[in-house]
């Protein structure tokens, strides 16, 4: 594994002042989580970021992060299943700090959608709460549906570089990046709404922070859950489009709330 600052970072990614973060939750203590934890440590050492605490979540107490980096005064491991951790962590706060963020793994399940589904089932016990397949996608070159109902979409029909920060100039095609996944998924919601009531989209948007570390805010997750609560408050059947996205890639699902 190579720990380094991306050499191809564009000028608009160069920061004159450090990013100030609160609590940073890293999903997984394997190769990716270890990379992110180290990169954050390096970013702070070079004056590019500050943070209150890094929390790495992994089921294995002897995960790679522990063997290569270990715990520190501002870095700790929580030994837990991811779903159980987020049920306790997100369910126990009513308002996250403005600077609290979550660092997902590139290949993890759609964890925030799964959390939103569990929250909906607890909020409306006895009400039908289902994951339904999307009958259409946003029209991206890559578009595949998984058995669990998640639709994985991407504007890239090529192999992207590891830890790509999705700069304005795509490093593969060497041309300007003219697409933005959040815009495409929002447009998809409009098309879905023409056939049946569709709320949202509830989007958890991952953006490059520093040194190839991508995050979405913890506040956005709580806001997404609140949006689901508002959409279901009338008690009538409604679909809610939910996605975890970056500029180029995404995982999207349809959450169906039946009648109360």
C-alpha atoms as a PDB file:
ATOM      1  CA  UNK A   1       0.000   0.000   0.000  1.00  0.00           C
ATOM      2  CA  UNK A   2       1.215   3.496  -0.841  1.00  0.00           C
ATOM      3  CA  UNK A   3       0.389   6.387   1.438  1.00  0.00           C
ATOM      4  CA  UNK A   4       0.679   9.673  -0.397  1.00  0.00           C
ATOM      5  CA  UNK A   5      -0.986  12.895  -1.452  1.00  0.00           C
ATOM      6  CA  UNK A   6      -2.494  12.564  -4.956  1.00  0.00           C
ATOM      7  CA  UNK A   7       0.079  14.003  -7.334  1.00  0.00           C
ATOM      8  CA  UNK A   8      -2.598  15.030  -9.822  1.00  0.00           C
ATOM      9  CA  UNK A   9      -4.623  17.231  -7.467  1.00  0.00           C
ATOM     10  CA  UNK A  10      -5.950  20.188  -9.521  1.00  0.00           C
ATOM     11  CA  UNK A  11      -5.491  23.789  -8.516  1.00  0.00           C
ATOM     12  CA  UNK A  12      -9.063  24.031  -7.245  1.00  0.00           C
ATOM     13  CA  UNK A  13      -8.254  21.329  -4.701  1.00  0.00           C
ATOM     14  CA  UNK A  14      -5.326  23.255  -3.174  1.00  0.00           C
ATOM     15  CA  UNK A  15      -6.405  24.844   0.101  1.00  0.00           C
ATOM     16  CA  UNK A  16      -4.774  27.850   1.722  1.00  0.00           C
ATOM     17  CA  UNK A  17      -6.454  27.099   5.066  1.00  0.00           C
ATOM     18  CA  UNK A  18      -6.917  23.682   6.670  1.00  0.00           C
ATOM     19  CA  UNK A  19     -10.223  21.848   6.736  1.00  0.00           C
ATOM     20  CA  UNK A  20     -11.491  21.800  10.307  1.00  0.00           C
ATOM     21  CA  UNK A  21     -13.284  18.580  11.160  1.00  0.00           C
ATOM     22  CA  UNK A  22     -14.966  17.270  14.256  1.00  0.00           C
ATOM     23  CA  UNK A  23     -15.497  13.542  14.597  1.00  0.00           C
ATOM     24  CA  UNK A  24     -14.460  11.465  11.588  1.00  0.00           C
ATOM     25  CA  UNK A  25     -16.050   7.999  11.265  1.00  0.00           C
ATOM     26  CA  UNK A  26     -14.107   5.659   8.974  1.00  0.00           C
ATOM     27  CA  UNK A  27     -16.050   2.609   7.796  1.00  0.00           C
ATOM     28  CA  UNK A  28     -13.731  -0.395   7.956  1.00  0.00           C
ATOM     29  CA  UNK A  29     -10.240  -0.992   9.295  1.00  0.00           C
ATOM     30  CA  UNK A  30      -8.905  -2.911   6.299  1.00  0.00           C
ATOM     31  CA  UNK A  31      -6.784  -1.595   3.465  1.00  0.00           C
ATOM     32  CA  UNK A  32      -9.030   1.353   2.610  1.00  0.00           C
ATOM     33  CA  UNK A  33      -9.750   2.406   6.183  1.00  0.00           C
ATOM     34  CA  UNK A  34      -6.061   2.181   7.042  1.00  0.00           C
ATOM     35  CA  UNK A  35      -5.223   4.320   4.012  1.00  0.00           C
ATOM     36  CA  UNK A  36      -7.765   6.981   4.981  1.00  0.00           C
ATOM     37  CA  UNK A  37      -6.661   7.086   8.609  1.00  0.00           C
ATOM     38  CA  UNK A  38      -3.036   7.537   7.550  1.00  0.00           C
ATOM     39  CA  UNK A  39      -3.900  10.171   4.959  1.00  0.00           C
ATOM     40  CA  UNK A  40      -5.798  12.204   7.530  1.00  0.00           C
ATOM     41  CA  UNK A  41      -2.831  11.968   9.876  1.00  0.00           C
ATOM     42  CA  UNK A  42      -0.549  13.196   7.093  1.00  0.00           C
ATOM     43  CA  UNK A  43      -2.959  15.984   6.120  1.00  0.00           C
ATOM     44  CA  UNK A  44      -2.941  17.268   9.669  1.00  0.00           C
ATOM     45  CA  UNK A  45       0.853  17.039   9.906  1.00  0.00           C
ATOM     46  CA  UNK A  46       1.110  19.156   6.740  1.00  0.00           C
ATOM     47  CA  UNK A  47      -1.431  21.724   7.910  1.00  0.00           C
ATOM     48  CA  UNK A  48      -4.152  20.703   5.453  1.00  0.00           C
ATOM     49  CA  UNK A  49      -6.715  19.450   7.970  1.00  0.00           C
ATOM     50  CA  UNK A  50      -7.521  19.364  11.661  1.00  0.00           C
ATOM     51  CA  UNK A  51      -9.937  17.030  13.441  1.00  0.00           C
ATOM     52  CA  UNK A  52     -11.111  16.228  16.936  1.00  0.00           C
ATOM     53  CA  UNK A  53     -11.151  12.440  16.661  1.00  0.00           C
ATOM     54  CA  UNK A  54     -10.939   9.623  14.112  1.00  0.00           C
ATOM     55  CA  UNK A  55     -13.093   6.572  14.853  1.00  0.00           C
ATOM     56  CA  UNK A  56     -12.431   3.447  12.791  1.00  0.00           C
ATOM     57  CA  UNK A  57     -15.228   0.846  12.830  1.00  0.00           C
ATOM     58  CA  UNK A  58     -14.392  -2.794  12.161  1.00  0.00           C
ATOM     59  CA  UNK A  59     -15.551  -6.180  13.486  1.00  0.00           C
ATOM     60  CA  UNK A  60     -11.971  -7.413  13.742  1.00  0.00           C
ATOM     61  CA  UNK A  61     -10.027  -6.157  16.801  1.00  0.00           C
ATOM     62  CA  UNK A  62      -6.807  -7.141  14.975  1.00  0.00           C
ATOM     63  CA  UNK A  63      -7.691  -5.382  11.723  1.00  0.00           C
ATOM     64  CA  UNK A  64      -5.058  -3.901   9.430  1.00  0.00           C
ATOM     65  CA  UNK A  65      -5.444  -0.413  10.877  1.00  0.00           C
ATOM     66  CA  UNK A  66      -4.496  -1.686  14.316  1.00  0.00           C
ATOM     67  CA  UNK A  67      -1.471  -3.622  13.075  1.00  0.00           C
ATOM     68  CA  UNK A  68      -0.142  -0.787  10.884  1.00  0.00           C
ATOM     69  CA  UNK A  69      -1.188   2.378  12.719  1.00  0.00           C
ATOM     70  CA  UNK A  70      -2.716   1.459  16.040  1.00  0.00           C
ATOM     71  CA  UNK A  71      -4.728   3.712  18.302  1.00  0.00           C
ATOM     72  CA  UNK A  72      -3.593   7.185  19.344  1.00  0.00           C
ATOM     73  CA  UNK A  73      -4.820  10.030  21.499  1.00  0.00           C
ATOM     74  CA  UNK A  74      -7.150  11.129  18.675  1.00  0.00           C
ATOM     75  CA  UNK A  75      -7.683   7.815  16.882  1.00  0.00           C
ATOM     76  CA  UNK A  76      -9.518   4.782  18.203  1.00  0.00           C
ATOM     77  CA  UNK A  77     -11.011   1.535  16.987  1.00  0.00           C
ATOM     78  CA  UNK A  78     -14.617   0.554  17.676  1.00  0.00           C
ATOM     79  CA  UNK A  79     -15.062  -3.201  17.352  1.00  0.00           C
ATOM     80  CA  UNK A  80     -18.553  -3.572  15.946  1.00  0.00           C
ATOM     81  CA  UNK A  81     -20.696  -4.660  13.048  1.00  0.00           C
ATOM     82  CA  UNK A  82     -21.334  -1.611  10.843  1.00  0.00           C
ATOM     83  CA  UNK A  83     -25.131  -1.781  11.081  1.00  0.00           C
ATOM     84  CA  UNK A  84     -25.052  -2.109  14.863  1.00  0.00           C
ATOM     85  CA  UNK A  85     -22.602   0.787  15.138  1.00  0.00           C
ATOM     86  CA  UNK A  86     -24.656   3.185  13.036  1.00  0.00           C
ATOM     87  CA  UNK A  87     -27.896   2.200  14.775  1.00  0.00           C
ATOM     88  CA  UNK A  88     -26.341   3.253  18.064  1.00  0.00           C
ATOM     89  CA  UNK A  89     -24.250   6.184  16.809  1.00  0.00           C
ATOM     90  CA  UNK A  90     -26.788   7.875  14.526  1.00  0.00           C
ATOM     91  CA  UNK A  91     -29.772   6.887  16.648  1.00  0.00           C
ATOM     92  CA  UNK A  92     -28.224   8.465  19.704  1.00  0.00           C
ATOM     93  CA  UNK A  93     -27.759  11.987  18.333  1.00  0.00           C
ATOM     94  CA  UNK A  94     -30.409  14.544  17.431  1.00  0.00           C
ATOM     95  CA  UNK A  95     -28.005  16.968  15.776  1.00  0.00           C
ATOM     96  CA  UNK A  96     -24.511  16.233  14.528  1.00  0.00           C
ATOM     97  CA  UNK A  97     -21.737  18.781  14.657  1.00  0.00           C
ATOM     98  CA  UNK A  98     -21.335  20.817  11.500  1.00  0.00           C
ATOM     99  CA  UNK A  99     -17.868  19.336  10.983  1.00  0.00           C
ATOM    100  CA  UNK A 100     -18.642  15.660  11.724  1.00  0.00           C
ATOM    101  CA  UNK A 101     -18.162  13.416   8.693  1.00  0.00           C
ATOM    102  CA  UNK A 102     -18.306   9.783   7.586  1.00  0.00           C
ATOM    103  CA  UNK A 103     -15.660   8.213   5.346  1.00  0.00           C
ATOM    104  CA  UNK A 104     -17.138   5.296   3.375  1.00  0.00           C
ATOM    105  CA  UNK A 105     -15.238   2.456   1.777  1.00  0.00           C
ATOM    106  CA  UNK A 106     -15.455   2.341  -2.042  1.00  0.00           C
ATOM    107  CA  UNK A 107     -16.845  -1.202  -1.974  1.00  0.00           C
ATOM    108  CA  UNK A 108     -19.033  -1.210   1.139  1.00  0.00           C
ATOM    109  CA  UNK A 109     -22.766  -2.005   1.051  1.00  0.00           C
ATOM    110  CA  UNK A 110     -25.209   0.898   0.812  1.00  0.00           C
ATOM    111  CA  UNK A 111     -25.046   1.358   4.584  1.00  0.00           C
ATOM    112  CA  UNK A 112     -26.828   4.688   4.943  1.00  0.00           C
ATOM    113  CA  UNK A 113     -29.793   3.501   2.899  1.00  0.00           C
ATOM    114  CA  UNK A 114     -30.008   0.393   5.041  1.00  0.00           C
ATOM    115  CA  UNK A 115     -29.964   2.593   8.155  1.00  0.00           C
ATOM    116  CA  UNK A 116     -32.765   4.768   6.749  1.00  0.00           C
ATOM    117  CA  UNK A 117     -34.835   1.634   6.047  1.00  0.00           C
ATOM    118  CA  UNK A 118     -34.356   0.345   9.600  1.00  0.00           C
ATOM    119  CA  UNK A 119     -35.305   3.757  11.000  1.00  0.00           C
ATOM    120  CA  UNK A 120     -38.488   3.807   8.885  1.00  0.00           C
ATOM    121  CA  UNK A 121     -39.504   0.362  10.150  1.00  0.00           C
ATOM    122  CA  UNK A 122     -39.007   1.447  13.750  1.00  0.00           C
ATOM    123  CA  UNK A 123     -40.865   4.710  13.135  1.00  0.00           C
ATOM    124  CA  UNK A 124     -43.883   2.984  11.545  1.00  0.00           C
ATOM    125  CA  UNK A 125     -44.206  -0.507  13.032  1.00  0.00           C
ATOM    126  CA  UNK A 126     -46.770  -2.490  11.088  1.00  0.00           C
ATOM    127  CA  UNK A 127     -46.601  -0.191   8.068  1.00  0.00           C
ATOM    128  CA  UNK A 128     -45.298  -1.749   4.839  1.00  0.00           C
ATOM    129  CA  UNK A 129     -41.711  -0.564   4.381  1.00  0.00           C
ATOM    130  CA  UNK A 130     -40.098  -2.180   1.365  1.00  0.00           C
ATOM    131  CA  UNK A 131     -37.082  -1.911  -0.901  1.00  0.00           C
ATOM    132  CA  UNK A 132     -38.371  -1.893  -4.457  1.00  0.00           C
ATOM    133  CA  UNK A 133     -36.392  -2.137  -7.703  1.00  0.00           C
ATOM    134  CA  UNK A 134     -35.959   0.930  -9.842  1.00  0.00           C
ATOM    135  CA  UNK A 135     -37.504   0.375 -13.253  1.00  0.00           C
ATOM    136  CA  UNK A 136     -35.099   2.854 -14.845  1.00  0.00           C
ATOM    137  CA  UNK A 137     -31.739   4.435 -14.164  1.00  0.00           C
ATOM    138  CA  UNK A 138     -30.224   7.871 -14.737  1.00  0.00           C
ATOM    139  CA  UNK A 139     -28.936   6.916 -18.199  1.00  0.00           C
ATOM    140  CA  UNK A 140     -25.288   6.405 -17.302  1.00  0.00           C
ATOM    141  CA  UNK A 141     -22.909   4.202 -19.319  1.00  0.00           C
ATOM    142  CA  UNK A 142     -22.607   1.761 -16.426  1.00  0.00           C
ATOM    143  CA  UNK A 143     -25.896   0.666 -14.856  1.00  0.00           C
ATOM    144  CA  UNK A 144     -26.302  -2.617 -12.986  1.00  0.00           C
ATOM    145  CA  UNK A 145     -28.877  -3.846 -10.461  1.00  0.00           C
ATOM    146  CA  UNK A 146     -27.774  -6.035  -7.555  1.00  0.00           C
ATOM    147  CA  UNK A 147     -29.916  -8.820  -6.068  1.00  0.00           C
ATOM    148  CA  UNK A 148     -30.656  -6.676  -2.990  1.00  0.00           C
ATOM    149  CA  UNK A 149     -32.309  -3.996  -5.142  1.00  0.00           C
ATOM    150  CA  UNK A 150     -29.416  -1.539  -5.181  1.00  0.00           C
ATOM    151  CA  UNK A 151     -28.749   0.015  -8.569  1.00  0.00           C
ATOM    152  CA  UNK A 152     -25.069   0.802  -9.146  1.00  0.00           C
ATOM    153  CA  UNK A 153     -24.478   3.523 -11.723  1.00  0.00           C
ATOM    154  CA  UNK A 154     -21.422   5.279 -13.105  1.00  0.00           C
ATOM    155  CA  UNK A 155     -20.486   7.743 -15.807  1.00  0.00           C
ATOM    156  CA  UNK A 156     -17.233   5.840 -16.280  1.00  0.00           C
ATOM    157  CA  UNK A 157     -17.152   2.922 -18.698  1.00  0.00           C
ATOM    158  CA  UNK A 158     -13.450   2.589 -17.973  1.00  0.00           C
ATOM    159  CA  UNK A 159     -11.338   1.513 -14.983  1.00  0.00           C
ATOM    160  CA  UNK A 160     -10.865   4.509 -12.705  1.00  0.00           C
ATOM    161  CA  UNK A 161      -7.593   5.134 -10.827  1.00  0.00           C
ATOM    162  CA  UNK A 162      -7.519   3.972  -7.229  1.00  0.00           C
ATOM    163  CA  UNK A 163      -8.416   6.836  -4.842  1.00  0.00           C
ATOM    164  CA  UNK A 164      -9.388   9.143  -7.707  1.00  0.00           C
ATOM    165  CA  UNK A 165     -10.460  12.513  -6.336  1.00  0.00           C
ATOM    166  CA  UNK A 166     -12.756  13.113  -9.341  1.00  0.00           C
ATOM    167  CA  UNK A 167     -11.105  16.368 -10.423  1.00  0.00           C
ATOM    168  CA  UNK A 168     -12.623  18.714 -12.983  1.00  0.00           C
ATOM    169  CA  UNK A 169     -10.226  17.219 -15.548  1.00  0.00           C
ATOM    170  CA  UNK A 170     -10.785  13.462 -15.714  1.00  0.00           C
ATOM    171  CA  UNK A 171      -7.389  11.701 -15.427  1.00  0.00           C
ATOM    172  CA  UNK A 172      -8.482   8.827 -17.692  1.00  0.00           C
ATOM    173  CA  UNK A 173     -10.015  10.560 -20.708  1.00  0.00           C
ATOM    174  CA  UNK A 174      -7.923  13.709 -20.109  1.00  0.00           C
ATOM    175  CA  UNK A 175     -10.900  15.935 -20.786  1.00  0.00           C
ATOM    176  CA  UNK A 176     -13.184  18.065 -18.619  1.00  0.00           C
ATOM    177  CA  UNK A 177     -15.626  16.179 -16.427  1.00  0.00           C
ATOM    178  CA  UNK A 178     -18.965  17.391 -17.789  1.00  0.00           C
ATOM    179  CA  UNK A 179     -21.173  15.216 -15.583  1.00  0.00           C
ATOM    180  CA  UNK A 180     -22.419  15.339 -11.999  1.00  0.00           C
ATOM    181  CA  UNK A 181     -24.205  12.298 -10.587  1.00  0.00           C
ATOM    182  CA  UNK A 182     -26.345  14.233  -8.096  1.00  0.00           C
ATOM    183  CA  UNK A 183     -27.886  16.233 -10.952  1.00  0.00           C
ATOM    184  CA  UNK A 184     -28.647  13.062 -12.908  1.00  0.00           C
ATOM    185  CA  UNK A 185     -30.261  11.318  -9.937  1.00  0.00           C
ATOM    186  CA  UNK A 186     -32.342  14.414  -9.181  1.00  0.00           C
ATOM    187  CA  UNK A 187     -33.548  14.404 -12.788  1.00  0.00           C
ATOM    188  CA  UNK A 188     -34.313  10.685 -12.450  1.00  0.00           C
ATOM    189  CA  UNK A 189     -36.576  11.437  -9.478  1.00  0.00           C
ATOM    190  CA  UNK A 190     -38.543  13.870 -11.648  1.00  0.00           C
ATOM    191  CA  UNK A 191     -39.094  11.166 -14.254  1.00  0.00           C
ATOM    192  CA  UNK A 192     -40.125   8.607 -11.654  1.00  0.00           C
ATOM    193  CA  UNK A 193     -42.585  11.085 -10.152  1.00  0.00           C
ATOM    194  CA  UNK A 194     -44.517  11.226 -13.430  1.00  0.00           C
ATOM    195  CA  UNK A 195     -45.604   7.616 -12.957  1.00  0.00           C
ATOM    196  CA  UNK A 196     -46.179   7.463  -9.186  1.00  0.00           C
ATOM    197  CA  UNK A 197     -45.603   9.675  -6.134  1.00  0.00           C
ATOM    198  CA  UNK A 198     -41.831   9.777  -5.615  1.00  0.00           C
ATOM    199  CA  UNK A 199     -40.190  11.888  -2.919  1.00  0.00           C
ATOM    200  CA  UNK A 200     -36.591  12.929  -2.489  1.00  0.00           C
ATOM    201  CA  UNK A 201     -34.049  12.428  -3.663  1.00  0.00           C
ATOM    202  CA  UNK A 202     -32.350  11.795  -0.343  1.00  0.00           C
ATOM    203  CA  UNK A 203     -28.682  12.032  -1.273  1.00  0.00           C
ATOM    204  CA  UNK A 204     -25.515  11.311   0.670  1.00  0.00           C
ATOM    205  CA  UNK A 205     -22.899  12.982  -1.518  1.00  0.00           C
ATOM    206  CA  UNK A 206     -19.253  12.003  -1.088  1.00  0.00           C
ATOM    207  CA  UNK A 207     -16.749  14.748  -1.862  1.00  0.00           C
ATOM    208  CA  UNK A 208     -12.962  14.717  -1.818  1.00  0.00           C
ATOM    209  CA  UNK A 209     -11.661  16.340   1.315  1.00  0.00           C
ATOM    210  CA  UNK A 210      -7.866  16.131   1.463  1.00  0.00           C
ATOM    211  CA  UNK A 211      -5.244  13.645   0.313  1.00  0.00           C
ATOM    212  CA  UNK A 212      -7.780  11.387  -1.482  1.00  0.00           C
ATOM    213  CA  UNK A 213     -10.117  11.083   1.498  1.00  0.00           C
ATOM    214  CA  UNK A 214     -13.786  11.337   0.485  1.00  0.00           C
ATOM    215  CA  UNK A 215     -16.495  12.125   3.035  1.00  0.00           C
ATOM    216  CA  UNK A 216     -20.152  12.978   3.452  1.00  0.00           C
ATOM    217  CA  UNK A 217     -21.463  14.894   6.437  1.00  0.00           C
ATOM    218  CA  UNK A 218     -23.139  13.166   9.350  1.00  0.00           C
ATOM    219  CA  UNK A 219     -25.702  15.960   9.271  1.00  0.00           C
ATOM    220  CA  UNK A 220     -26.726  14.922   5.755  1.00  0.00           C
ATOM    221  CA  UNK A 221     -27.600  11.453   7.042  1.00  0.00           C
ATOM    222  CA  UNK A 222     -29.805  12.850   9.804  1.00  0.00           C
ATOM    223  CA  UNK A 223     -31.379  15.243   7.293  1.00  0.00           C
ATOM    224  CA  UNK A 224     -32.079  12.310   4.983  1.00  0.00           C
ATOM    225  CA  UNK A 225     -33.845  10.446   7.758  1.00  0.00           C
ATOM    226  CA  UNK A 226     -35.901  13.570   8.507  1.00  0.00           C
ATOM    227  CA  UNK A 227     -36.852  13.797   4.825  1.00  0.00           C
ATOM    228  CA  UNK A 228     -38.110  10.209   4.917  1.00  0.00           C
ATOM    229  CA  UNK A 229     -40.169  11.080   8.020  1.00  0.00           C
ATOM    230  CA  UNK A 230     -41.727  14.065   6.241  1.00  0.00           C
ATOM    231  CA  UNK A 231     -42.463  12.067   3.098  1.00  0.00           C
ATOM    232  CA  UNK A 232     -44.239   9.385   5.097  1.00  0.00           C
ATOM    233  CA  UNK A 233     -46.096  11.671   7.491  1.00  0.00           C
ATOM    234  CA  UNK A 234     -49.251  11.863   5.352  1.00  0.00           C
ATOM    235  CA  UNK A 235     -49.758   8.132   5.629  1.00  0.00           C
ATOM    236  CA  UNK A 236     -50.358   7.638   1.915  1.00  0.00           C
ATOM    237  CA  UNK A 237     -48.194   5.317  -0.216  1.00  0.00           C
ATOM    238  CA  UNK A 238     -45.013   6.975  -1.464  1.00  0.00           C
ATOM    239  CA  UNK A 239     -41.676   5.998  -2.966  1.00  0.00           C
ATOM    240  CA  UNK A 240     -38.492   7.757  -1.857  1.00  0.00           C
ATOM    241  CA  UNK A 241     -35.373   7.796  -4.023  1.00  0.00           C
ATOM    242  CA  UNK A 242     -32.202   7.433  -1.925  1.00  0.00           C
ATOM    243  CA  UNK A 243     -28.628   7.512  -3.169  1.00  0.00           C
ATOM    244  CA  UNK A 244     -25.038   7.519  -1.975  1.00  0.00           C
ATOM    245  CA  UNK A 245     -23.141   9.349  -4.690  1.00  0.00           C
ATOM    246  CA  UNK A 246     -19.889  10.897  -5.749  1.00  0.00           C
ATOM    247  CA  UNK A 247     -19.502  13.073  -8.818  1.00  0.00           C
ATOM    248  CA  UNK A 248     -19.022  10.048 -11.074  1.00  0.00           C
ATOM    249  CA  UNK A 249     -20.509   7.000  -9.334  1.00  0.00           C
ATOM    250  CA  UNK A 250     -23.523   6.086  -7.252  1.00  0.00           C
ATOM    251  CA  UNK A 251     -25.645   3.490  -5.499  1.00  0.00           C
ATOM    252  CA  UNK A 252     -29.369   4.238  -5.652  1.00  0.00           C
ATOM    253  CA  UNK A 253     -32.390   2.557  -4.104  1.00  0.00           C
ATOM    254  CA  UNK A 254     -36.128   3.033  -3.956  1.00  0.00           C
ATOM    255  CA  UNK A 255     -37.709   2.968  -0.501  1.00  0.00           C
ATOM    256  CA  UNK A 256     -41.451   2.296  -0.598  1.00  0.00           C
ATOM    257  CA  UNK A 257     -43.728   3.305   2.255  1.00  0.00           C
ATOM    258  CA  UNK A 258     -47.154   1.692   2.140  1.00  0.00           C
ATOM    259  CA  UNK A 259     -50.343   3.130   3.660  1.00  0.00           C
ATOM    260  CA  UNK A 260     -50.599   3.623   7.388  1.00  0.00           C
END
